[in-house]
């Protein structure tokens, strides 16, 4: 099992290198000139050329790419064309805000989704099952931007229960609306997966044996949930990885100063160091989250460890 995870870790570096090359290539292929975006199309040609030389835009592609790799080797990601701040320090700052939002949203998603999935599985075929399934389908179908605006209107505008947007001075209450907006869609998927996985486990012969031996209802549910966890944990991990990359729409709607909003600003301004930095950081997050999911799944189901040893 150790060798399996070491192999995964060794793949980490070439994966990130491949992503940096593809992203760097795409940023150069995008129409438009970032220098003209900074100074305007009527700027003095001498000023334009000087800025191109400062940011290295006048050099060949491979030279610029090699320079970027040397920056990464030093733990740097360049500087923003507009703010001139180090991209790495900006990402760390924005990621702290995104991390708070992501963890709050995933906690909401787990509580709502797993609970709803267990209840609908245990009440299969009843009105509770039909109502819960309808809620899950509705949650999946609602667009995030529409849902966020509706929640803002109802909970902040009409009922005055929550602040409509912004981050305040770090008070937890500002997290509720954006986290709930993210959690509704995610919890709906988790509820559907939990229900189907629980039904599959509850239909196994060993569960009937456990009931026949007099195992209490609560212990039966916990036993079934543990055996149904692998697809649930995988889905939760993927959602968390997505949240940690920054939820662009949610952060923009609620004025949340996170990684997604930062990346969007970099894209709209053609701020290539910001784009490269956020993409690379996001890729590292996804690779890390996938590795953690593999570790958790191997702990939940020992058969995964045995299959890894065989490979």
Protein backbone atom coordinates (compact mmCIF):
# COMPACT_ATOMS: atom_id res chain seq x y z
CA UNK A 1 0.00 0.00 0.00
CA UNK A 2 2.89 2.35 0.78
CA UNK A 3 4.42 1.79 -2.64
CA UNK A 4 1.04 2.53 -4.25
CA UNK A 5 0.79 5.93 -2.57
CA UNK A 6 4.45 6.69 -3.28
CA UNK A 7 3.74 6.12 -6.96
CA UNK A 8 0.82 8.51 -6.74
CA UNK A 9 3.04 11.11 -5.10
CA UNK A 10 5.69 10.68 -7.80
CA UNK A 11 3.05 11.37 -10.45
CA UNK A 12 2.27 14.65 -8.69
CA UNK A 13 5.21 16.58 -10.20
CA UNK A 14 4.84 15.50 -13.87
CA UNK A 15 1.09 16.14 -13.63
CA UNK A 16 1.67 19.70 -12.46
CA UNK A 17 4.38 20.24 -15.08
CA UNK A 18 2.01 19.11 -17.82
CA UNK A 19 -0.68 21.45 -16.51
CA UNK A 20 1.74 24.40 -16.40
CA UNK A 21 2.82 23.78 -19.99
CA UNK A 22 -0.75 23.48 -21.33
CA UNK A 23 -1.96 26.51 -19.38
CA UNK A 24 1.06 28.58 -20.44
CA UNK A 25 0.51 27.59 -24.07
CA UNK A 26 -3.18 28.50 -23.92
CA UNK A 27 -2.53 31.90 -22.35
CA UNK A 28 -0.23 32.72 -25.26
CA UNK A 29 -2.81 31.53 -27.81
CA UNK A 30 -5.63 33.67 -26.40
CA UNK A 31 -6.39 36.69 -28.65
CA UNK A 32 -5.51 40.08 -27.24
CA UNK A 33 -2.47 41.77 -25.79
CA UNK A 34 -2.22 42.13 -22.00
CA UNK A 35 0.05 45.15 -22.40
CA UNK A 36 -2.56 47.00 -24.47
CA UNK A 37 -5.10 46.05 -21.81
CA UNK A 38 -2.96 47.81 -19.21
CA UNK A 39 -2.12 51.00 -21.09
CA UNK A 40 -4.87 51.23 -23.71
CA UNK A 41 -4.71 51.01 -27.49
CA UNK A 42 -3.73 54.68 -27.89
CA UNK A 43 -0.62 54.41 -25.74
CA UNK A 44 2.79 55.49 -27.01
CA UNK A 45 4.39 52.56 -28.91
CA UNK A 46 7.62 53.13 -26.99
CA UNK A 47 5.77 52.67 -23.70
CA UNK A 48 4.12 49.51 -25.03
CA UNK A 49 7.44 48.01 -26.08
CA UNK A 50 9.03 48.91 -22.75
CA UNK A 51 6.23 47.17 -20.84
CA UNK A 52 6.49 44.12 -23.09
CA UNK A 53 10.18 43.92 -22.27
CA UNK A 54 9.47 44.29 -18.53
CA UNK A 55 7.01 41.39 -18.43
CA UNK A 56 9.03 39.30 -20.88
CA UNK A 57 6.36 39.28 -23.61
CA UNK A 58 8.98 40.04 -26.27
CA UNK A 59 10.86 36.78 -25.65
CA UNK A 60 10.31 33.41 -27.40
CA UNK A 61 7.75 31.03 -25.91
CA UNK A 62 10.22 28.45 -24.59
CA UNK A 63 12.36 31.13 -22.96
CA UNK A 64 9.33 32.56 -21.16
CA UNK A 65 8.18 29.09 -20.11
CA UNK A 66 11.64 28.22 -18.79
CA UNK A 67 11.66 31.47 -16.83
CA UNK A 68 8.31 30.59 -15.29
CA UNK A 69 9.57 27.15 -14.27
CA UNK A 70 12.60 28.74 -12.63
CA UNK A 71 10.25 30.99 -10.66
CA UNK A 72 8.27 27.95 -9.51
CA UNK A 73 11.48 26.23 -8.43
CA UNK A 74 12.11 29.22 -6.13
CA UNK A 75 8.58 28.99 -4.70
CA UNK A 76 7.37 32.04 -6.63
CA UNK A 77 4.62 32.55 -9.23
CA UNK A 78 5.54 35.95 -10.62
CA UNK A 79 3.82 39.27 -10.04
CA UNK A 80 0.43 40.53 -11.13
CA UNK A 81 0.57 42.82 -14.16
CA UNK A 82 -1.84 45.26 -12.50
CA UNK A 83 -1.26 45.23 -8.75
CA UNK A 84 2.43 44.20 -8.97
CA UNK A 85 1.83 42.03 -5.88
CA UNK A 86 3.45 38.58 -5.73
CA UNK A 87 0.86 36.13 -7.03
CA UNK A 88 1.84 33.46 -4.49
CA UNK A 89 1.14 35.74 -1.51
CA UNK A 90 -2.17 36.87 -3.06
CA UNK A 91 -3.22 33.26 -3.57
CA UNK A 92 -2.41 32.38 0.04
CA UNK A 93 -4.47 35.33 1.25
CA UNK A 94 -7.45 34.59 -1.02
CA UNK A 95 -7.27 30.87 -0.30
CA UNK A 96 -7.76 31.51 3.42
CA UNK A 97 -11.12 33.10 2.66
CA UNK A 98 -12.05 30.35 0.19
CA UNK A 99 -11.06 27.68 2.71
CA UNK A 100 -13.44 29.09 5.33
CA UNK A 101 -16.28 29.16 2.83
CA UNK A 102 -15.50 25.69 1.45
CA UNK A 103 -15.33 23.98 4.86
CA UNK A 104 -18.57 25.62 6.00
CA UNK A 105 -20.33 24.64 2.77
CA UNK A 106 -19.11 21.04 2.87
CA UNK A 107 -20.24 20.66 6.51
CA UNK A 108 -23.71 21.91 5.52
CA UNK A 109 -23.68 19.55 2.52
CA UNK A 110 -22.75 16.50 4.58
CA UNK A 111 -25.30 17.17 7.33
CA UNK A 112 -28.17 17.86 4.91
CA UNK A 113 -27.27 15.37 2.18
CA UNK A 114 -26.36 12.31 4.24
CA UNK A 115 -29.32 12.79 6.59
CA UNK A 116 -31.77 13.16 3.69
CA UNK A 117 -30.26 10.18 1.88
CA UNK A 118 -30.51 7.90 4.91
CA UNK A 119 -34.11 8.91 5.67
CA UNK A 120 -35.30 8.41 2.07
CA UNK A 121 -33.55 5.04 1.89
CA UNK A 122 -35.17 3.82 5.11
CA UNK A 123 -38.58 5.13 3.97
CA UNK A 124 -38.32 3.74 0.46
CA UNK A 125 -41.58 3.91 -1.49
CA UNK A 126 -43.35 6.17 1.03
CA UNK A 127 -44.34 9.82 0.70
CA UNK A 128 -41.21 10.72 2.67
CA UNK A 129 -39.08 9.07 0.01
CA UNK A 130 -40.94 10.81 -2.82
CA UNK A 131 -40.78 14.21 -1.11
CA UNK A 132 -37.09 13.85 -0.29
CA UNK A 133 -36.26 12.72 -3.83
CA UNK A 134 -38.22 15.66 -5.25
CA UNK A 135 -36.27 18.07 -3.04
CA UNK A 136 -32.98 16.52 -4.15
CA UNK A 137 -33.90 16.82 -7.84
CA UNK A 138 -34.96 20.43 -7.31
CA UNK A 139 -31.70 21.23 -5.53
CA UNK A 140 -29.68 19.75 -8.39
CA UNK A 141 -31.69 21.64 -11.02
CA UNK A 142 -31.54 25.14 -9.51
CA UNK A 143 -28.80 27.36 -11.04
CA UNK A 144 -26.37 28.65 -8.44
CA UNK A 145 -26.60 32.29 -9.53
CA UNK A 146 -30.43 32.23 -9.32
CA UNK A 147 -30.47 30.36 -6.03
CA UNK A 148 -27.99 32.78 -4.47
CA UNK A 149 -30.04 35.81 -5.48
CA UNK A 150 -33.27 34.24 -4.19
CA UNK A 151 -31.71 33.36 -0.82
CA UNK A 152 -30.29 36.86 -0.60
CA UNK A 153 -33.70 38.37 -1.33
CA UNK A 154 -35.61 36.17 1.13
CA UNK A 155 -33.22 35.72 4.06
CA UNK A 156 -31.51 39.10 3.87
CA UNK A 157 -33.96 41.39 2.09
CA UNK A 158 -37.35 40.25 3.42
CA UNK A 159 -36.61 38.51 6.71
CA UNK A 160 -33.45 40.45 7.66
CA UNK A 161 -31.95 37.33 9.21
CA UNK A 162 -28.55 37.44 7.52
CA UNK A 163 -26.26 40.04 5.93
CA UNK A 164 -26.78 40.09 2.15
CA UNK A 165 -23.15 40.10 1.05
CA UNK A 166 -19.58 40.94 1.95
CA UNK A 167 -17.29 39.45 4.58
CA UNK A 168 -17.73 41.95 7.41
CA UNK A 169 -14.85 41.71 9.85
CA UNK A 170 -14.69 37.94 9.69
CA UNK A 171 -17.91 37.23 11.61
CA UNK A 172 -19.23 33.67 10.98
CA UNK A 173 -22.72 34.99 10.13
CA UNK A 174 -21.39 36.32 6.80
CA UNK A 175 -20.54 32.74 5.82
CA UNK A 176 -24.06 31.39 6.10
CA UNK A 177 -25.66 32.68 2.87
CA UNK A 178 -22.83 31.84 0.43
CA UNK A 179 -22.16 28.51 2.16
CA UNK A 180 -25.85 27.59 2.05
CA UNK A 181 -25.99 28.51 -1.65
CA UNK A 182 -23.13 26.13 -2.38
CA UNK A 183 -24.44 23.43 -0.06
CA UNK A 184 -27.92 23.09 -1.55
CA UNK A 185 -26.73 21.74 -4.88
CA UNK A 186 -23.98 19.62 -3.35
CA UNK A 187 -26.21 18.16 -0.62
CA UNK A 188 -28.77 17.17 -3.27
CA UNK A 189 -26.18 15.09 -5.12
CA UNK A 190 -24.95 13.60 -1.83
CA UNK A 191 -28.53 12.72 -0.85
CA UNK A 192 -29.12 10.89 -4.14
CA UNK A 193 -25.86 8.96 -3.89
CA UNK A 194 -26.41 8.16 -0.20
CA UNK A 195 -29.91 6.85 -0.89
CA UNK A 196 -28.87 4.58 -3.76
CA UNK A 197 -25.78 3.32 -1.93
CA UNK A 198 -27.74 2.65 1.28
CA UNK A 199 -30.46 0.77 -0.62
CA UNK A 200 -27.84 -1.39 -2.28
CA UNK A 201 -26.22 -2.26 1.07
CA UNK A 202 -29.53 -2.80 2.89
CA UNK A 203 -30.49 -5.32 0.23
CA UNK A 204 -27.43 -7.51 0.87
CA UNK A 205 -27.89 -10.88 2.64
CA UNK A 206 -25.50 -10.01 5.46
CA UNK A 207 -27.76 -7.11 6.48
CA UNK A 208 -30.74 -9.48 6.75
CA UNK A 209 -28.55 -11.76 8.87
CA UNK A 210 -27.63 -8.86 11.17
CA UNK A 211 -31.31 -8.03 11.67
CA UNK A 212 -32.16 -11.70 12.28
CA UNK A 213 -29.48 -11.90 14.98
CA UNK A 214 -31.22 -9.07 16.84
CA UNK A 215 -28.88 -6.21 16.03
CA UNK A 216 -30.52 -2.92 17.05
CA UNK A 217 -31.94 -0.63 14.38
CA UNK A 218 -29.43 2.11 15.10
CA UNK A 219 -26.48 -0.27 14.79
CA UNK A 220 -27.92 -1.72 11.58
CA UNK A 221 -28.14 1.79 10.08
CA UNK A 222 -24.57 2.64 11.13
CA UNK A 223 -23.31 -0.70 9.77
CA UNK A 224 -25.07 -0.09 6.47
CA UNK A 225 -23.79 3.49 6.28
CA UNK A 226 -20.18 2.40 6.78
CA UNK A 227 -20.47 -0.09 3.93
CA UNK A 228 -22.10 2.57 1.75
CA UNK A 229 -19.48 5.24 2.44
CA UNK A 230 -17.09 4.83 -0.51
CA UNK A 231 -19.19 6.57 -3.20
CA UNK A 232 -20.34 9.14 -0.63
CA UNK A 233 -16.78 9.98 0.46
CA UNK A 234 -15.65 10.17 -3.17
CA UNK A 235 -18.41 12.64 -4.04
CA UNK A 236 -17.76 14.75 -0.95
CA UNK A 237 -14.07 14.88 -1.79
CA UNK A 238 -14.73 16.01 -5.35
CA UNK A 239 -17.12 18.72 -4.13
CA UNK A 240 -14.58 19.90 -1.57
CA UNK A 241 -11.86 20.04 -4.22
CA UNK A 242 -14.15 22.13 -6.40
CA UNK A 243 -14.96 24.51 -3.53
CA UNK A 244 -11.29 24.90 -2.61
CA UNK A 245 -10.57 26.03 -6.16
CA UNK A 246 -12.94 28.91 -5.63
CA UNK A 247 -16.62 29.10 -6.43
CA UNK A 248 -16.62 31.89 -9.00
CA UNK A 249 -20.36 32.60 -9.21
CA UNK A 250 -21.02 32.36 -5.48
CA UNK A 251 -18.02 34.47 -4.50
CA UNK A 252 -18.96 37.10 -7.09
CA UNK A 253 -22.64 37.27 -6.10
CA UNK A 254 -21.90 37.59 -2.38
CA UNK A 255 -18.81 39.78 -2.69
CA UNK A 256 -16.61 37.11 -1.12
CA UNK A 257 -12.92 37.92 -1.59
CA UNK A 258 -11.81 34.39 -2.43
CA UNK A 259 -9.75 32.45 -4.93
CA UNK A 260 -12.52 32.09 -7.52
CA UNK A 261 -13.16 35.82 -7.68
CA UNK A 262 -9.41 36.45 -7.87
CA UNK A 263 -9.07 34.01 -10.78
CA UNK A 264 -12.00 35.61 -12.62
CA UNK A 265 -10.43 39.05 -12.31
CA UNK A 266 -7.17 37.66 -13.70
CA UNK A 267 -8.96 36.13 -16.68
CA UNK A 268 -10.97 39.24 -17.53
CA UNK A 269 -7.87 41.46 -17.32
CA UNK A 270 -5.59 38.96 -19.13
CA UNK A 271 -3.37 39.00 -16.05
CA UNK A 272 -1.48 35.86 -17.07
CA UNK A 273 0.62 35.38 -13.90
CA UNK A 274 -2.63 35.36 -11.88
CA UNK A 275 -4.25 32.91 -14.31
CA UNK A 276 -1.23 30.60 -14.27
CA UNK A 277 -0.93 30.75 -10.50
CA UNK A 278 -4.58 30.01 -9.76
CA UNK A 279 -4.75 27.16 -12.30
CA UNK A 280 -1.58 25.55 -10.95
CA UNK A 281 -2.70 25.96 -7.35
CA UNK A 282 -6.12 24.51 -8.19
CA UNK A 283 -4.54 21.53 -9.92
CA UNK A 284 -2.37 20.87 -6.85
CA UNK A 285 -5.50 20.97 -4.68
CA UNK A 286 -7.33 18.45 -6.85
CA UNK A 287 -4.39 16.05 -6.95
CA UNK A 288 -4.04 16.30 -3.15
CA UNK A 289 -7.77 15.80 -2.55
CA UNK A 290 -7.83 12.75 -4.85
CA UNK A 291 -4.93 11.24 -2.92
CA UNK A 292 -6.72 11.86 0.39
CA UNK A 293 -9.88 10.24 -1.03
CA UNK A 294 -7.86 7.15 -1.99
CA UNK A 295 -6.43 6.94 1.53
CA UNK A 296 -9.86 7.30 3.15
CA UNK A 297 -11.40 4.70 0.84
CA UNK A 298 -8.63 2.24 1.66
CA UNK A 299 -9.32 2.76 5.37
CA UNK A 300 -13.07 2.26 4.88
CA UNK A 301 -12.72 -0.83 2.68
CA UNK A 302 -9.64 -3.05 3.32
CA UNK A 303 -10.20 -4.77 -0.04
CA UNK A 304 -8.82 -1.65 -1.72
CA UNK A 305 -5.56 -2.07 0.19
CA UNK A 306 -5.30 -5.70 -0.90
CA UNK A 307 -5.95 -4.83 -4.56
CA UNK A 308 -3.29 -2.10 -4.35
CA UNK A 309 -0.77 -4.63 -3.02
CA UNK A 310 -1.57 -6.99 -5.88
CA UNK A 311 -0.86 -4.23 -8.39
